Amino acid sequence: MGKQYATLSEKLTEFISEQKIYFVGTATTDGRVNVSPKGMDSFRVLNNNRVIWLNVTGSGNETSAHVQLNPRMTIMFCAFDAPPLILRLYGMARVVHKKDHDWKELFAHFNPLPGARQIFDLSIEMVQTSCGMAVPYYEHTGDRELLSDWAKKKGDDGLMEYWDEKNQSSIDNIPTNIIAKNV
């Protein structure tokens, strides 16, 4: 049932564009594995072997810490309201901060989201599909605005304070470099 491909096809790219949620998995060699759900309008396919996603401020910053030590990343999409399908993108990622030379170019692909803190740039090494027949049906009834509202209320200075207090290192005490590379 599962199939592997070297790149994204037009059909899989269309599938991605229809999804409202995706999951990002990262890990260091010795630390905890992190799997994060992502939503909002934060994912873009640049070509058949490169994708980017905009990371907004959250309670942790595990993905950034992990990628800076070990660039492996897996992104997974599931069909919740269509014919069953699971799509995984395996590759090597890099974190792009606001001070990095290509931030503006990559950020231009997105509608600005309050609290944006990093962009992750994934070079796809393998695409894998599997059946997804055990994934339940779910209906998307709307996006939550809570995180955007929170970030707007914090403002730029409040976000910097939050990053300094909560986003400087992972739960395994790996530095994220968020202040040094964004201020």
N, C-alpha and C. Protein backbone atom coordinates (compact mmCIF):
# COMPACT_ATOMS: atom_id res chain seq x y z
N MET A 1 0.80 -1.19 0.00
CA MET A 1 0.00 0.00 0.00
C MET A 1 0.85 1.26 0.00
N GLY A 2 1.95 1.29 0.76
CA GLY A 2 2.80 2.47 0.80
C GLY A 2 3.66 2.57 -0.44
N LYS A 3 3.88 3.82 -0.87
CA LYS A 3 4.73 4.06 -2.03
C LYS A 3 5.72 5.16 -1.69
N GLN A 4 6.89 5.09 -2.31
CA GLN A 4 7.92 6.09 -2.09
C GLN A 4 8.27 6.76 -3.41
N TYR A 5 8.55 8.06 -3.31
CA TYR A 5 8.87 8.87 -4.48
C TYR A 5 10.06 9.77 -4.14
N ALA A 6 10.74 10.20 -5.16
CA ALA A 6 11.88 11.11 -4.95
C ALA A 6 11.43 12.56 -4.79
N THR A 7 10.28 12.89 -5.37
CA THR A 7 9.79 14.27 -5.34
C THR A 7 8.27 14.30 -5.19
N LEU A 8 7.74 15.46 -4.95
CA LEU A 8 6.30 15.66 -4.90
C LEU A 8 5.72 15.70 -6.31
N SER A 9 4.62 15.04 -6.51
CA SER A 9 3.90 15.12 -7.78
C SER A 9 2.91 16.28 -7.72
N GLU A 10 2.35 16.62 -8.84
CA GLU A 10 1.32 17.66 -8.88
C GLU A 10 0.11 17.24 -8.04
N LYS A 11 -0.26 15.98 -8.10
CA LYS A 11 -1.40 15.47 -7.34
C LYS A 11 -1.16 15.59 -5.83
N LEU A 12 0.06 15.26 -5.38
CA LEU A 12 0.37 15.36 -3.94
C LEU A 12 0.47 16.82 -3.50
N THR A 13 0.97 17.67 -4.37
CA THR A 13 1.03 19.10 -4.06
C THR A 13 -0.38 19.66 -3.90
N GLU A 14 -1.30 19.22 -4.73
CA GLU A 14 -2.70 19.64 -4.61
C GLU A 14 -3.29 19.13 -3.29
N PHE A 15 -2.98 17.88 -2.94
CA PHE A 15 -3.44 17.32 -1.67
C PHE A 15 -2.97 18.19 -0.51
N ILE A 16 -1.69 18.58 -0.51
CA ILE A 16 -1.14 19.43 0.55
C ILE A 16 -1.91 20.74 0.64
N SER A 17 -2.21 21.35 -0.50
CA SER A 17 -2.88 22.65 -0.49
C SER A 17 -4.28 22.58 0.11
N GLU A 18 -4.87 21.41 0.17
CA GLU A 18 -6.22 21.24 0.70
C GLU A 18 -6.23 20.94 2.21
N GLN A 19 -5.07 20.69 2.80
CA GLN A 19 -5.01 20.30 4.20
C GLN A 19 -5.03 21.50 5.13
N LYS A 20 -5.69 21.33 6.26
CA LYS A 20 -5.80 22.39 7.27
C LYS A 20 -4.83 22.18 8.43
N ILE A 21 -4.24 21.00 8.52
CA ILE A 21 -3.33 20.67 9.62
C ILE A 21 -2.22 19.77 9.08
N TYR A 22 -1.03 19.92 9.65
CA TYR A 22 0.07 19.02 9.36
C TYR A 22 0.87 18.85 10.64
N PHE A 23 1.73 17.86 10.64
CA PHE A 23 2.50 17.52 11.83
C PHE A 23 3.98 17.52 11.48
N VAL A 24 4.81 18.10 12.36
CA VAL A 24 6.25 18.19 12.14
C VAL A 24 6.96 17.38 13.21
N GLY A 25 7.85 16.48 12.78
CA GLY A 25 8.63 15.68 13.70
C GLY A 25 10.12 15.95 13.56
N THR A 26 10.79 16.15 14.71
CA THR A 26 12.24 16.37 14.75
C THR A 26 12.81 15.69 15.99
N ALA A 27 14.11 15.48 15.98
CA ALA A 27 14.79 14.92 17.15
C ALA A 27 16.28 15.18 17.03
N THR A 28 16.92 15.25 18.18
CA THR A 28 18.38 15.25 18.20
C THR A 28 18.82 13.81 18.36
N THR A 29 20.09 13.57 18.44
CA THR A 29 20.59 12.20 18.59
C THR A 29 20.18 11.60 19.92
N ASP A 30 20.26 12.37 20.99
CA ASP A 30 20.02 11.84 22.32
C ASP A 30 18.77 12.35 23.02
N GLY A 31 18.22 13.45 22.57
CA GLY A 31 17.12 14.08 23.29
C GLY A 31 15.76 13.50 22.95
N ARG A 32 14.75 14.17 23.42
CA ARG A 32 13.38 13.76 23.18
C ARG A 32 12.97 14.01 21.73
N VAL A 33 12.09 13.18 21.22
CA VAL A 33 11.49 13.38 19.90
C VAL A 33 10.37 14.38 20.07
N ASN A 34 10.25 15.32 19.16
CA ASN A 34 9.18 16.30 19.21
C ASN A 34 8.28 16.15 17.99
N VAL A 35 6.98 16.10 18.21
CA VAL A 35 5.99 16.11 17.15
C VAL A 35 5.04 17.26 17.43
N SER A 36 4.93 18.18 16.48
CA SER A 36 4.11 19.37 16.68
C SER A 36 3.03 19.46 15.61
N PRO A 37 1.79 19.71 16.03
CA PRO A 37 0.74 19.99 15.04
C PRO A 37 0.87 21.44 14.59
N LYS A 38 0.62 21.67 13.32
CA LYS A 38 0.70 23.02 12.77
C LYS A 38 -0.56 23.29 11.96
N GLY A 39 -0.97 24.53 11.96
CA GLY A 39 -2.15 24.94 11.21
C GLY A 39 -1.94 26.34 10.68
N MET A 40 -3.02 27.10 10.68
CA MET A 40 -3.01 28.45 10.14
C MET A 40 -2.62 28.35 8.66
N ASP A 41 -2.39 29.40 8.00
CA ASP A 41 -1.99 29.39 6.60
C ASP A 41 -0.47 29.48 6.55
N SER A 42 0.20 28.40 6.96
CA SER A 42 1.64 28.49 7.25
C SER A 42 2.52 27.57 6.41
N PHE A 43 2.00 26.94 5.36
CA PHE A 43 2.78 25.97 4.61
C PHE A 43 2.77 26.32 3.12
N ARG A 44 3.95 26.23 2.49
CA ARG A 44 4.07 26.50 1.06
C ARG A 44 4.97 25.46 0.40
N VAL A 45 4.55 25.02 -0.78
CA VAL A 45 5.38 24.16 -1.63
C VAL A 45 6.08 25.10 -2.61
N LEU A 46 7.42 25.13 -2.58
CA LEU A 46 8.18 25.99 -3.49
C LEU A 46 8.42 25.29 -4.82
N ASN A 47 8.71 24.01 -4.75
CA ASN A 47 8.85 23.19 -5.96
C ASN A 47 8.70 21.73 -5.54
N ASN A 48 8.95 20.81 -6.44
CA ASN A 48 8.65 19.40 -6.14
C ASN A 48 9.61 18.76 -5.15
N ASN A 49 10.65 19.47 -4.72
CA ASN A 49 11.52 18.91 -3.68
C ASN A 49 11.92 19.93 -2.61
N ARG A 50 11.10 20.98 -2.47
CA ARG A 50 11.38 21.99 -1.45
C ARG A 50 10.08 22.60 -0.94
N VAL A 51 9.95 22.62 0.39
CA VAL A 51 8.79 23.24 1.04
C VAL A 51 9.29 24.14 2.16
N ILE A 52 8.46 25.11 2.52
CA ILE A 52 8.76 25.98 3.65
C ILE A 52 7.51 26.09 4.51
N TRP A 53 7.74 26.34 5.79
CA TRP A 53 6.60 26.63 6.67
C TRP A 53 6.99 27.69 7.67
N LEU A 54 6.01 28.53 7.96
CA LEU A 54 6.20 29.67 8.86
C LEU A 54 5.84 29.24 10.28
N ASN A 55 6.78 29.40 11.18
CA ASN A 55 6.59 29.02 12.58
C ASN A 55 6.22 30.25 13.38
N VAL A 56 5.14 30.14 14.14
CA VAL A 56 4.72 31.25 14.99
C VAL A 56 5.05 30.93 16.45
N THR A 57 5.05 31.96 17.26
CA THR A 57 5.40 31.84 18.67
C THR A 57 4.49 30.84 19.37
N GLY A 58 5.10 29.96 20.13
CA GLY A 58 4.37 28.98 20.92
C GLY A 58 5.03 28.81 22.27
N SER A 59 4.51 27.87 23.02
CA SER A 59 5.00 27.68 24.38
C SER A 59 6.41 27.10 24.42
N GLY A 60 6.83 26.44 23.37
CA GLY A 60 8.18 25.90 23.28
C GLY A 60 8.78 26.25 21.93
N ASN A 61 10.01 25.81 21.72
CA ASN A 61 10.70 26.10 20.46
C ASN A 61 11.58 24.89 20.12
N GLU A 62 11.03 23.71 20.32
CA GLU A 62 11.78 22.46 20.15
C GLU A 62 12.31 22.28 18.73
N THR A 63 11.47 22.55 17.75
CA THR A 63 11.85 22.31 16.36
C THR A 63 13.10 23.09 16.00
N SER A 64 13.15 24.34 16.39
CA SER A 64 14.31 25.17 16.09
C SER A 64 15.58 24.62 16.74
N ALA A 65 15.48 24.27 18.01
CA ALA A 65 16.64 23.72 18.71
C ALA A 65 17.11 22.43 18.04
N HIS A 66 16.18 21.55 17.72
CA HIS A 66 16.54 20.27 17.10
C HIS A 66 17.21 20.46 15.75
N VAL A 67 16.59 21.27 14.88
CA VAL A 67 17.10 21.43 13.52
C VAL A 67 18.50 22.04 13.51
N GLN A 68 18.80 22.91 14.47
CA GLN A 68 20.13 23.51 14.50
C GLN A 68 21.21 22.50 14.89
N LEU A 69 20.82 21.41 15.57
CA LEU A 69 21.77 20.35 15.91
C LEU A 69 21.72 19.18 14.94
N ASN A 70 20.52 18.87 14.48
CA ASN A 70 20.31 17.71 13.61
C ASN A 70 19.21 18.08 12.63
N PRO A 71 19.54 18.33 11.37
CA PRO A 71 18.57 18.91 10.45
C PRO A 71 17.49 17.95 9.92
N ARG A 72 17.45 16.73 10.39
CA ARG A 72 16.40 15.80 9.92
C ARG A 72 15.02 16.30 10.34
N MET A 73 14.08 16.20 9.41
CA MET A 73 12.70 16.60 9.70
C MET A 73 11.75 15.72 8.89
N THR A 74 10.63 15.38 9.51
CA THR A 74 9.55 14.70 8.82
C THR A 74 8.30 15.54 8.97
N ILE A 75 7.60 15.75 7.87
CA ILE A 75 6.32 16.46 7.89
C ILE A 75 5.27 15.47 7.42
N MET A 76 4.15 15.40 8.17
CA MET A 76 3.10 14.44 7.83
C MET A 76 1.76 15.15 7.66
N PHE A 77 1.06 14.76 6.62
CA PHE A 77 -0.30 15.20 6.35
C PHE A 77 -1.20 13.98 6.36
N CYS A 78 -2.45 14.13 6.82
CA CYS A 78 -3.45 13.05 6.82
C CYS A 78 -4.73 13.58 6.19
N ALA A 79 -5.37 12.74 5.40
CA ALA A 79 -6.70 13.09 4.88
C ALA A 79 -7.72 12.76 5.96
N PHE A 80 -8.43 13.76 6.43
CA PHE A 80 -9.46 13.56 7.44
C PHE A 80 -10.86 13.61 6.85
N ASP A 81 -11.00 14.19 5.66
CA ASP A 81 -12.33 14.36 5.09
C ASP A 81 -12.41 13.97 3.62
N ALA A 82 -11.48 13.20 3.16
CA ALA A 82 -11.42 12.81 1.76
C ALA A 82 -11.02 11.33 1.69
N PRO A 83 -10.80 10.80 0.49
CA PRO A 83 -10.30 9.43 0.44
C PRO A 83 -9.05 9.30 1.30
N PRO A 84 -8.87 8.17 1.98
CA PRO A 84 -7.76 8.03 2.93
C PRO A 84 -6.39 8.17 2.27
N LEU A 85 -5.53 8.89 2.96
CA LEU A 85 -4.15 9.07 2.49
C LEU A 85 -3.34 9.65 3.63
N ILE A 86 -2.14 9.13 3.81
CA ILE A 86 -1.13 9.73 4.68
C ILE A 86 0.04 10.08 3.79
N LEU A 87 0.55 11.28 3.93
CA LEU A 87 1.68 11.75 3.13
C LEU A 87 2.77 12.22 4.08
N ARG A 88 3.97 11.66 3.91
CA ARG A 88 5.12 12.09 4.71
C ARG A 88 6.20 12.64 3.78
N LEU A 89 6.78 13.76 4.23
CA LEU A 89 7.91 14.37 3.55
C LEU A 89 9.12 14.22 4.45
N TYR A 90 10.12 13.51 3.99
CA TYR A 90 11.36 13.32 4.76
C TYR A 90 12.44 14.18 4.13
N GLY A 91 13.23 14.83 4.96
CA GLY A 91 14.30 15.62 4.40
C GLY A 91 15.17 16.28 5.43
N MET A 92 15.95 17.21 4.92
CA MET A 92 16.87 17.99 5.74
C MET A 92 16.36 19.43 5.76
N ALA A 93 16.26 19.97 6.97
CA ALA A 93 15.69 21.31 7.13
C ALA A 93 16.73 22.27 7.68
N ARG A 94 16.44 23.51 7.48
CA ARG A 94 17.22 24.56 8.12
C ARG A 94 16.25 25.59 8.65
N VAL A 95 16.65 26.22 9.72
CA VAL A 95 15.82 27.26 10.32
C VAL A 95 16.30 28.61 9.80
N VAL A 96 15.36 29.43 9.39
CA VAL A 96 15.66 30.77 8.89
C VAL A 96 15.08 31.77 9.88
N HIS A 97 15.96 32.60 10.42
CA HIS A 97 15.56 33.63 11.38
C HIS A 97 15.44 34.98 10.67
N LYS A 98 14.84 35.93 11.35
CA LYS A 98 14.58 37.24 10.75
C LYS A 98 15.84 37.97 10.32
N LYS A 99 16.97 37.73 10.96
CA LYS A 99 18.22 38.38 10.58
C LYS A 99 18.92 37.69 9.40
N ASP A 100 18.48 36.50 9.04
CA ASP A 100 19.13 35.74 7.96
C ASP A 100 18.86 36.41 6.61
N HIS A 101 19.82 36.28 5.68
CA HIS A 101 19.77 36.99 4.40
C HIS A 101 18.54 36.64 3.56
N ASP A 102 17.99 35.45 3.69
CA ASP A 102 16.87 35.07 2.83
C ASP A 102 15.51 35.11 3.54
N TRP A 103 15.46 35.69 4.75
CA TRP A 103 14.18 35.80 5.47
C TRP A 103 13.13 36.54 4.62
N LYS A 104 13.47 37.71 4.11
CA LYS A 104 12.49 38.53 3.39
C LYS A 104 11.96 37.79 2.16
N GLU A 105 12.85 37.15 1.43
CA GLU A 105 12.44 36.40 0.23
C GLU A 105 11.47 35.27 0.59
N LEU A 106 11.79 34.51 1.62
CA LEU A 106 10.93 33.39 2.01
C LEU A 106 9.65 33.88 2.70
N PHE A 107 9.76 34.90 3.53
CA PHE A 107 8.59 35.43 4.24
C PHE A 107 7.56 35.98 3.25
N ALA A 108 8.01 36.46 2.10
CA ALA A 108 7.10 37.01 1.09
C ALA A 108 6.12 35.97 0.55
N HIS A 109 6.39 34.69 0.75
CA HIS A 109 5.48 33.64 0.30
C HIS A 109 4.24 33.51 1.19
N PHE A 110 4.24 34.15 2.34
CA PHE A 110 3.18 33.98 3.32
C PHE A 110 2.39 35.27 3.52
N ASN A 111 1.15 35.10 3.93
CA ASN A 111 0.42 36.22 4.50
C ASN A 111 0.99 36.38 5.91
N PRO A 112 1.31 37.60 6.32
CA PRO A 112 1.92 37.76 7.65
C PRO A 112 1.02 37.18 8.75
N LEU A 113 1.64 36.47 9.66
CA LEU A 113 0.94 35.91 10.82
C LEU A 113 1.51 36.55 12.08
N PRO A 114 0.65 36.99 12.98
CA PRO A 114 1.14 37.56 14.25
C PRO A 114 2.01 36.55 15.00
N GLY A 115 3.13 37.02 15.50
CA GLY A 115 4.02 36.16 16.28
C GLY A 115 4.97 35.32 15.45
N ALA A 116 5.07 35.58 14.15
CA ALA A 116 6.00 34.82 13.31
C ALA A 116 7.40 34.92 13.88
N ARG A 117 8.09 33.79 14.01
CA ARG A 117 9.43 33.83 14.61
C ARG A 117 10.50 33.15 13.78
N GLN A 118 10.13 32.14 12.98
CA GLN A 118 11.11 31.44 12.15
C GLN A 118 10.41 30.88 10.91
N ILE A 119 11.20 30.57 9.91
CA ILE A 119 10.73 29.82 8.75
C ILE A 119 11.60 28.57 8.69
N PHE A 120 10.97 27.45 8.42
CA PHE A 120 11.71 26.21 8.22
C PHE A 120 11.69 25.87 6.74
N ASP A 121 12.86 25.58 6.21
CA ASP A 121 13.07 25.31 4.79
C ASP A 121 13.51 23.86 4.67
N LEU A 122 12.65 23.02 4.10
CA LEU A 122 12.91 21.58 4.01
C LEU A 122 13.25 21.18 2.58
N SER A 123 14.44 20.60 2.41
CA SER A 123 14.82 19.96 1.15
C SER A 123 14.37 18.51 1.24
N ILE A 124 13.45 18.14 0.39
CA ILE A 124 12.85 16.81 0.44
C ILE A 124 13.81 15.76 -0.13
N GLU A 125 14.03 14.72 0.65
CA GLU A 125 14.85 13.59 0.21
C GLU A 125 14.00 12.41 -0.22
N MET A 126 12.81 12.28 0.41
CA MET A 126 11.90 11.20 0.05
C MET A 126 10.48 11.60 0.39
N VAL A 127 9.56 11.21 -0.47
CA VAL A 127 8.13 11.39 -0.27
C VAL A 127 7.54 10.00 -0.12
N GLN A 128 6.70 9.83 0.89
CA GLN A 128 6.08 8.52 1.11
C GLN A 128 4.58 8.68 1.31
N THR A 129 3.82 7.85 0.64
CA THR A 129 2.38 7.81 0.88
C THR A 129 2.03 6.46 1.48
N SER A 130 0.99 6.44 2.29
CA SER A 130 0.44 5.19 2.80
C SER A 130 -1.07 5.34 2.87
N CYS A 131 -1.75 4.26 3.15
CA CYS A 131 -3.20 4.20 2.95
C CYS A 131 -4.00 5.14 3.83
N GLY A 132 -3.72 5.21 5.09
CA GLY A 132 -4.51 6.06 5.98
C GLY A 132 -5.92 5.55 6.25
N MET A 133 -6.15 4.29 6.02
CA MET A 133 -7.51 3.76 6.18
C MET A 133 -7.98 3.72 7.63
N ALA A 134 -7.09 3.83 8.60
CA ALA A 134 -7.49 3.84 10.00
C ALA A 134 -7.64 5.26 10.55
N VAL A 135 -7.32 6.28 9.75
CA VAL A 135 -7.46 7.67 10.18
C VAL A 135 -8.95 8.02 10.16
N PRO A 136 -9.49 8.52 11.27
CA PRO A 136 -10.93 8.81 11.32
C PRO A 136 -11.29 10.04 10.49
N TYR A 137 -12.56 10.14 10.19
CA TYR A 137 -13.07 11.36 9.55
C TYR A 137 -13.18 12.46 10.60
N TYR A 138 -12.76 13.66 10.20
CA TYR A 138 -12.95 14.85 11.03
C TYR A 138 -13.38 15.96 10.11
N GLU A 139 -14.21 16.82 10.61
CA GLU A 139 -14.67 17.94 9.82
C GLU A 139 -14.01 19.22 10.33
N HIS A 140 -13.44 19.99 9.41
CA HIS A 140 -12.84 21.27 9.75
C HIS A 140 -13.97 22.29 9.87
N THR A 141 -14.12 22.86 11.03
CA THR A 141 -15.19 23.85 11.24
C THR A 141 -14.66 25.27 11.34
N GLY A 142 -13.37 25.43 11.29
CA GLY A 142 -12.78 26.76 11.32
C GLY A 142 -11.44 26.76 12.01
N ASP A 143 -10.72 27.85 11.81
CA ASP A 143 -9.43 28.03 12.46
C ASP A 143 -9.62 28.71 13.81
N ARG A 144 -8.76 28.39 14.73
CA ARG A 144 -8.75 29.09 16.02
C ARG A 144 -7.93 30.36 15.86
N GLU A 145 -8.43 31.43 16.41
CA GLU A 145 -7.75 32.72 16.33
C GLU A 145 -7.04 33.05 17.63
N LEU A 146 -7.08 32.15 18.59
CA LEU A 146 -6.53 32.43 19.92
C LEU A 146 -5.06 32.81 19.90
N LEU A 147 -4.23 32.06 19.14
CA LEU A 147 -2.80 32.34 19.12
C LEU A 147 -2.53 33.68 18.43
N SER A 148 -3.21 33.95 17.34
CA SER A 148 -3.03 35.24 16.66
C SER A 148 -3.46 36.39 17.56
N ASP A 149 -4.60 36.23 18.21
CA ASP A 149 -5.07 37.28 19.12
C ASP A 149 -4.08 37.51 20.26
N TRP A 150 -3.54 36.42 20.81
CA TRP A 150 -2.56 36.52 21.90
C TRP A 150 -1.32 37.27 21.42
N ALA A 151 -0.80 36.92 20.23
CA ALA A 151 0.41 37.56 19.71
C ALA A 151 0.17 39.04 19.42
N LYS A 152 -0.99 39.37 18.87
CA LYS A 152 -1.30 40.78 18.61
C LYS A 152 -1.34 41.56 19.91
N LYS A 153 -1.94 40.98 20.91
CA LYS A 153 -2.04 41.66 22.21
C LYS A 153 -0.66 41.86 22.84
N LYS A 154 0.22 40.87 22.70
CA LYS A 154 1.59 40.98 23.24
C LYS A 154 2.35 42.11 22.56
N GLY A 155 2.20 42.25 21.26
CA GLY A 155 2.97 43.23 20.51
C GLY A 155 4.42 42.78 20.36
N ASP A 156 5.19 43.51 19.58
CA ASP A 156 6.58 43.13 19.31
C ASP A 156 7.42 43.04 20.58
N ASP A 157 7.31 44.04 21.44
CA ASP A 157 8.11 44.03 22.67
C ASP A 157 7.70 42.88 23.59
N GLY A 158 6.42 42.65 23.71
CA GLY A 158 5.94 41.55 24.54
C GLY A 158 6.35 40.19 24.01
N LEU A 159 6.37 40.05 22.69
CA LEU A 159 6.84 38.79 22.09
C LEU A 159 8.32 38.57 22.38
N MET A 160 9.11 39.63 22.26
CA MET A 160 10.54 39.51 22.57
C MET A 160 10.74 39.07 24.01
N GLU A 161 10.00 39.64 24.92
CA GLU A 161 10.10 39.24 26.33
C GLU A 161 9.71 37.77 26.50
N TYR A 162 8.65 37.37 25.80
CA TYR A 162 8.21 35.97 25.88
C TYR A 162 9.27 35.03 25.32
N TRP A 163 9.83 35.39 24.14
CA TRP A 163 10.89 34.57 23.55
C TRP A 163 12.06 34.44 24.53
N ASP A 164 12.42 35.57 25.16
CA ASP A 164 13.54 35.56 26.09
C ASP A 164 13.25 34.65 27.29
N GLU A 165 12.02 34.66 27.76
CA GLU A 165 11.65 33.88 28.94
C GLU A 165 11.35 32.42 28.62
N LYS A 166 10.69 32.14 27.49
CA LYS A 166 10.15 30.81 27.24
C LYS A 166 10.73 30.06 26.03
N ASN A 167 11.39 30.77 25.10
CA ASN A 167 11.78 30.14 23.84
C ASN A 167 13.29 30.07 23.60
N GLN A 168 14.10 30.35 24.61
CA GLN A 168 15.55 30.38 24.45
C GLN A 168 16.19 29.00 24.36
N SER A 169 15.53 27.99 24.93
CA SER A 169 16.09 26.64 24.88
C SER A 169 14.97 25.61 24.85
N SER A 170 15.33 24.43 24.41
CA SER A 170 14.37 23.34 24.34
C SER A 170 14.17 22.72 25.72
N ILE A 171 13.28 21.76 25.82
CA ILE A 171 13.07 21.08 27.11
C ILE A 171 14.29 20.25 27.49
N ASP A 172 15.16 19.97 26.53
CA ASP A 172 16.43 19.28 26.81
C ASP A 172 17.58 20.28 26.95
N ASN A 173 17.26 21.55 27.12
CA ASN A 173 18.24 22.64 27.30
C ASN A 173 19.16 22.86 26.11
N ILE A 174 18.64 22.66 24.93
CA ILE A 174 19.38 22.95 23.70
C ILE A 174 19.03 24.38 23.28
N PRO A 175 20.04 25.22 23.03
CA PRO A 175 19.75 26.61 22.66
C PRO A 175 19.01 26.71 21.32
N THR A 176 18.09 27.67 21.25
CA THR A 176 17.35 27.91 20.01
C THR A 176 17.90 29.11 19.24
N ASN A 177 18.66 29.96 19.90
CA ASN A 177 19.25 31.16 19.29
C ASN A 177 18.20 32.16 18.82
N ILE A 178 17.01 32.09 19.36
CA ILE A 178 15.92 32.94 18.87
C ILE A 178 16.18 34.42 19.10
N ILE A 179 16.72 34.80 20.22
CA ILE A 179 16.99 36.23 20.46
C ILE A 179 18.17 36.69 19.63
N ALA A 180 19.24 35.94 19.63
CA ALA A 180 20.46 36.34 18.91
C ALA A 180 20.22 36.48 17.41
N LYS A 181 19.33 35.67 16.85
CA LYS A 181 19.15 35.68 15.40
C LYS A 181 17.90 36.40 14.93
N ASN A 182 17.14 36.96 15.86
CA ASN A 182 15.92 37.67 15.46
C ASN A 182 15.89 39.13 15.89
N VAL A 183 16.79 39.53 16.76
CA VAL A 183 16.75 40.91 17.26
C VAL A 183 17.89 41.71 16.67
